[in-house]
């Protein structure tokens, strides 16, 4: 029985608003990195979320899954994306950029953004959903007496 290949090493796992890839250089810019989402009501919708992952120490073709789950895995994932990366050399670095649209978070609290390969959790990042307090109506200012 052949020995199984070691899992790749995760150099970075970052949640952000947008990932821009320069067409000329291939360089990626991560815009609006965050670990909290504030919402006035739940379930809460979030229009767009991007996940950037940098990997190394990979061997051959490796399958990955990136998913967002609640802290206890009590529900199905909020979203999941799958893909494959072909490592030409274990010293090479593979950058993954995933973009998710129209996410719905059922309740406030901690969530986890995970990268999994071959059933093994490689790394996770926390994502906290925070309920904003309702706005208090502003009290009108007392009238100013011009003769004072």
C-alpha atoms as a PDB file:
ATOM      1  CA  UNK A   1       0.000   0.000   0.000  1.00  0.00           C
ATOM      2  CA  UNK A   2       1.571   3.326  -1.042  1.00  0.00           C
ATOM      3  CA  UNK A   3       2.116   5.972   1.621  1.00  0.00           C
ATOM      4  CA  UNK A   4      -0.383   8.804   1.452  1.00  0.00           C
ATOM      5  CA  UNK A   5       0.891  12.206   0.426  1.00  0.00           C
ATOM      6  CA  UNK A   6       1.174  14.810   3.180  1.00  0.00           C
ATOM      7  CA  UNK A   7      -1.408  17.574   3.172  1.00  0.00           C
ATOM      8  CA  UNK A   8      -0.334  20.941   1.744  1.00  0.00           C
ATOM      9  CA  UNK A   9       0.723  23.690   4.129  1.00  0.00           C
ATOM     10  CA  UNK A  10      -1.570  26.733   4.324  1.00  0.00           C
ATOM     11  CA  UNK A  11       0.455  29.949   4.243  1.00  0.00           C
ATOM     12  CA  UNK A  12      -2.578  32.265   4.339  1.00  0.00           C
ATOM     13  CA  UNK A  13      -6.366  32.101   4.690  1.00  0.00           C
ATOM     14  CA  UNK A  14      -7.910  35.566   4.380  1.00  0.00           C
ATOM     15  CA  UNK A  15     -11.514  36.759   4.102  1.00  0.00           C
ATOM     16  CA  UNK A  16     -12.063  40.012   2.210  1.00  0.00           C
ATOM     17  CA  UNK A  17     -14.528  42.023   0.124  1.00  0.00           C
ATOM     18  CA  UNK A  18     -12.748  41.652  -3.206  1.00  0.00           C
ATOM     19  CA  UNK A  19      -9.700  40.078  -4.862  1.00  0.00           C
ATOM     20  CA  UNK A  20      -8.294  41.888  -7.872  1.00  0.00           C
ATOM     21  CA  UNK A  21      -5.840  40.104 -10.171  1.00  0.00           C
ATOM     22  CA  UNK A  22      -3.610  42.281 -12.338  1.00  0.00           C
ATOM     23  CA  UNK A  23      -3.777  40.988 -15.928  1.00  0.00           C
ATOM     24  CA  UNK A  24      -0.206  41.977 -16.722  1.00  0.00           C
ATOM     25  CA  UNK A  25       1.616  40.644 -13.658  1.00  0.00           C
ATOM     26  CA  UNK A  26      -0.816  38.118 -12.190  1.00  0.00           C
ATOM     27  CA  UNK A  27      -0.370  39.778  -8.793  1.00  0.00           C
ATOM     28  CA  UNK A  28      -3.393  39.738  -6.532  1.00  0.00           C
ATOM     29  CA  UNK A  29      -4.648  42.563  -4.331  1.00  0.00           C
ATOM     30  CA  UNK A  30      -6.927  41.796  -1.396  1.00  0.00           C
ATOM     31  CA  UNK A  31      -9.393  44.607  -0.766  1.00  0.00           C
ATOM     32  CA  UNK A  32     -11.265  45.102   2.506  1.00  0.00           C
ATOM     33  CA  UNK A  33      -9.999  42.270   4.725  1.00  0.00           C
ATOM     34  CA  UNK A  34     -12.350  41.536   7.619  1.00  0.00           C
ATOM     35  CA  UNK A  35     -13.323  39.057  10.322  1.00  0.00           C
ATOM     36  CA  UNK A  36     -16.666  40.595  11.403  1.00  0.00           C
ATOM     37  CA  UNK A  37     -19.965  41.265   9.675  1.00  0.00           C
ATOM     38  CA  UNK A  38     -22.476  43.584  11.346  1.00  0.00           C
ATOM     39  CA  UNK A  39     -26.180  43.126  10.594  1.00  0.00           C
ATOM     40  CA  UNK A  40     -29.358  44.825  11.795  1.00  0.00           C
ATOM     41  CA  UNK A  41     -31.548  41.722  11.503  1.00  0.00           C
ATOM     42  CA  UNK A  42     -31.224  37.953  11.122  1.00  0.00           C
ATOM     43  CA  UNK A  43     -31.242  35.993   8.962  1.00  0.00           C
ATOM     44  CA  UNK A  44     -28.709  38.406   7.480  1.00  0.00           C
ATOM     45  CA  UNK A  45     -27.688  38.622   3.834  1.00  0.00           C
ATOM     46  CA  UNK A  46     -24.186  39.487   2.791  1.00  0.00           C
ATOM     47  CA  UNK A  47     -23.799  40.407  -0.891  1.00  0.00           C
ATOM     48  CA  UNK A  48     -20.218  39.264  -1.553  1.00  0.00           C
ATOM     49  CA  UNK A  49     -17.399  37.586   0.313  1.00  0.00           C
ATOM     50  CA  UNK A  50     -14.037  36.472  -1.075  1.00  0.00           C
ATOM     51  CA  UNK A  51     -11.605  33.932   0.339  1.00  0.00           C
ATOM     52  CA  UNK A  52      -7.910  33.947  -0.511  1.00  0.00           C
ATOM     53  CA  UNK A  53      -5.756  30.909   0.278  1.00  0.00           C
ATOM     54  CA  UNK A  54      -2.013  30.472  -0.344  1.00  0.00           C
ATOM     55  CA  UNK A  55      -0.717  26.883  -0.247  1.00  0.00           C
ATOM     56  CA  UNK A  56       2.636  25.165  -0.544  1.00  0.00           C
ATOM     57  CA  UNK A  57       4.142  21.705   0.034  1.00  0.00           C
ATOM     58  CA  UNK A  58       1.538  20.157  -2.269  1.00  0.00           C
ATOM     59  CA  UNK A  59       2.067  17.032  -4.343  1.00  0.00           C
ATOM     60  CA  UNK A  60       0.514  16.392  -7.769  1.00  0.00           C
ATOM     61  CA  UNK A  61      -3.165  17.213  -8.187  1.00  0.00           C
ATOM     62  CA  UNK A  62      -4.901  17.997  -4.903  1.00  0.00           C
ATOM     63  CA  UNK A  63      -8.620  18.538  -4.309  1.00  0.00           C
ATOM     64  CA  UNK A  64      -9.826  21.266  -1.962  1.00  0.00           C
ATOM     65  CA  UNK A  65     -13.033  22.472  -0.423  1.00  0.00           C
ATOM     66  CA  UNK A  66     -13.549  25.910   1.081  1.00  0.00           C
ATOM     67  CA  UNK A  67     -16.665  26.260   3.181  1.00  0.00           C
ATOM     68  CA  UNK A  68     -18.302  28.499   5.743  1.00  0.00           C
ATOM     69  CA  UNK A  69     -19.965  26.746   8.662  1.00  0.00           C
ATOM     70  CA  UNK A  70     -21.478  27.786  11.967  1.00  0.00           C
ATOM     71  CA  UNK A  71     -19.315  27.259  15.024  1.00  0.00           C
ATOM     72  CA  UNK A  72     -20.861  23.892  15.957  1.00  0.00           C
ATOM     73  CA  UNK A  73     -21.499  22.485  12.459  1.00  0.00           C
ATOM     74  CA  UNK A  74     -25.146  22.371  13.561  1.00  0.00           C
ATOM     75  CA  UNK A  75     -26.420  23.260  10.060  1.00  0.00           C
ATOM     76  CA  UNK A  76     -25.322  22.532   6.529  1.00  0.00           C
ATOM     77  CA  UNK A  77     -22.557  24.893   5.319  1.00  0.00           C
ATOM     78  CA  UNK A  78     -23.603  28.453   4.479  1.00  0.00           C
ATOM     79  CA  UNK A  79     -21.619  27.960   1.261  1.00  0.00           C
ATOM     80  CA  UNK A  80     -19.010  25.554  -0.094  1.00  0.00           C
ATOM     81  CA  UNK A  81     -16.720  25.697  -3.115  1.00  0.00           C
ATOM     82  CA  UNK A  82     -14.580  22.884  -4.499  1.00  0.00           C
ATOM     83  CA  UNK A  83     -11.596  22.868  -6.780  1.00  0.00           C
ATOM     84  CA  UNK A  84      -8.323  21.220  -7.720  1.00  0.00           C
ATOM     85  CA  UNK A  85      -4.785  22.515  -7.723  1.00  0.00           C
ATOM     86  CA  UNK A  86      -1.932  20.906  -9.639  1.00  0.00           C
ATOM     87  CA  UNK A  87       1.375  21.344  -7.840  1.00  0.00           C
ATOM     88  CA  UNK A  88       4.284  21.044 -10.279  1.00  0.00           C
ATOM     89  CA  UNK A  89       6.750  21.128  -7.416  1.00  0.00           C
ATOM     90  CA  UNK A  90       6.210  20.930  -3.619  1.00  0.00           C
ATOM     91  CA  UNK A  91       8.138  24.212  -3.215  1.00  0.00           C
ATOM     92  CA  UNK A  92       5.735  26.107  -5.450  1.00  0.00           C
ATOM     93  CA  UNK A  93       2.990  28.313  -4.014  1.00  0.00           C
ATOM     94  CA  UNK A  94      -0.584  28.014  -5.252  1.00  0.00           C
ATOM     95  CA  UNK A  95      -2.962  30.929  -4.678  1.00  0.00           C
ATOM     96  CA  UNK A  96      -6.688  30.229  -4.625  1.00  0.00           C
ATOM     97  CA  UNK A  97      -9.233  33.027  -4.916  1.00  0.00           C
ATOM     98  CA  UNK A  98     -12.903  32.195  -4.422  1.00  0.00           C
ATOM     99  CA  UNK A  99     -15.799  34.601  -4.618  1.00  0.00           C
ATOM    100  CA  UNK A 100     -19.185  33.880  -3.016  1.00  0.00           C
ATOM    101  CA  UNK A 101     -22.357  35.896  -3.663  1.00  0.00           C
ATOM    102  CA  UNK A 102     -25.667  36.243  -1.831  1.00  0.00           C
ATOM    103  CA  UNK A 103     -24.777  34.549   1.452  1.00  0.00           C
ATOM    104  CA  UNK A 104     -27.383  34.235   4.194  1.00  0.00           C
ATOM    105  CA  UNK A 105     -26.336  33.835   7.813  1.00  0.00           C
ATOM    106  CA  UNK A 106     -29.206  32.516   9.964  1.00  0.00           C
ATOM    107  CA  UNK A 107     -28.162  34.019  13.313  1.00  0.00           C
ATOM    108  CA  UNK A 108     -25.496  36.111  15.000  1.00  0.00           C
ATOM    109  CA  UNK A 109     -22.422  34.453  16.470  1.00  0.00           C
ATOM    110  CA  UNK A 110     -19.180  32.850  15.400  1.00  0.00           C
ATOM    111  CA  UNK A 111     -18.749  31.083  12.065  1.00  0.00           C
ATOM    112  CA  UNK A 112     -15.684  29.399  10.571  1.00  0.00           C
ATOM    113  CA  UNK A 113     -14.180  29.691   7.087  1.00  0.00           C
ATOM    114  CA  UNK A 114     -12.445  26.374   6.466  1.00  0.00           C
ATOM    115  CA  UNK A 115     -10.115  24.857   3.906  1.00  0.00           C
ATOM    116  CA  UNK A 116     -10.289  21.076   3.698  1.00  0.00           C
ATOM    117  CA  UNK A 117      -8.246  18.671   1.583  1.00  0.00           C
ATOM    118  CA  UNK A 118      -8.865  14.936   1.356  1.00  0.00           C
ATOM    119  CA  UNK A 119     -11.231  15.132   4.324  1.00  0.00           C
ATOM    120  CA  UNK A 120      -8.615  16.876   6.508  1.00  0.00           C
ATOM    121  CA  UNK A 121      -9.185  20.342   7.936  1.00  0.00           C
ATOM    122  CA  UNK A 122      -6.055  22.290   6.995  1.00  0.00           C
ATOM    123  CA  UNK A 123      -6.889  25.680   8.513  1.00  0.00           C
ATOM    124  CA  UNK A 124      -9.820  27.834   9.518  1.00  0.00           C
ATOM    125  CA  UNK A 125     -10.480  31.517  10.098  1.00  0.00           C
ATOM    126  CA  UNK A 126     -13.129  32.947  12.401  1.00  0.00           C
ATOM    127  CA  UNK A 127     -15.909  35.102  11.027  1.00  0.00           C
ATOM    128  CA  UNK A 128     -18.119  36.766  13.638  1.00  0.00           C
ATOM    129  CA  UNK A 129     -21.663  37.876  12.801  1.00  0.00           C
ATOM    130  CA  UNK A 130     -22.660  40.694  15.114  1.00  0.00           C
ATOM    131  CA  UNK A 131     -26.208  41.950  15.677  1.00  0.00           C
ATOM    132  CA  UNK A 132     -26.381  45.729  15.686  1.00  0.00           C
ATOM    133  CA  UNK A 133     -28.571  47.323  18.326  1.00  0.00           C
ATOM    134  CA  UNK A 134     -31.694  49.025  16.948  1.00  0.00           C
ATOM    135  CA  UNK A 135     -31.271  52.734  16.397  1.00  0.00           C
ATOM    136  CA  UNK A 136     -32.723  54.910  19.114  1.00  0.00           C
ATOM    137  CA  UNK A 137     -34.935  57.708  17.852  1.00  0.00           C
ATOM    138  CA  UNK A 138     -33.180  61.021  18.267  1.00  0.00           C
ATOM    139  CA  UNK A 139     -34.747  63.436  20.684  1.00  0.00           C
ATOM    140  CA  UNK A 140     -35.425  66.823  19.124  1.00  0.00           C
ATOM    141  CA  UNK A 141     -33.153  69.571  20.389  1.00  0.00           C
ATOM    142  CA  UNK A 142     -34.827  72.203  22.525  1.00  0.00           C
ATOM    143  CA  UNK A 143     -35.573  75.385  20.616  1.00  0.00           C
ATOM    144  CA  UNK A 144     -32.921  78.087  20.847  1.00  0.00           C
ATOM    145  CA  UNK A 145     -34.115  81.370  22.372  1.00  0.00           C
ATOM    146  CA  UNK A 146     -32.770  84.093  20.055  1.00  0.00           C
ATOM    147  CA  UNK A 147     -33.164  86.749  22.767  1.00  0.00           C
ATOM    148  CA  UNK A 148     -30.863  84.991  25.185  1.00  0.00           C
END
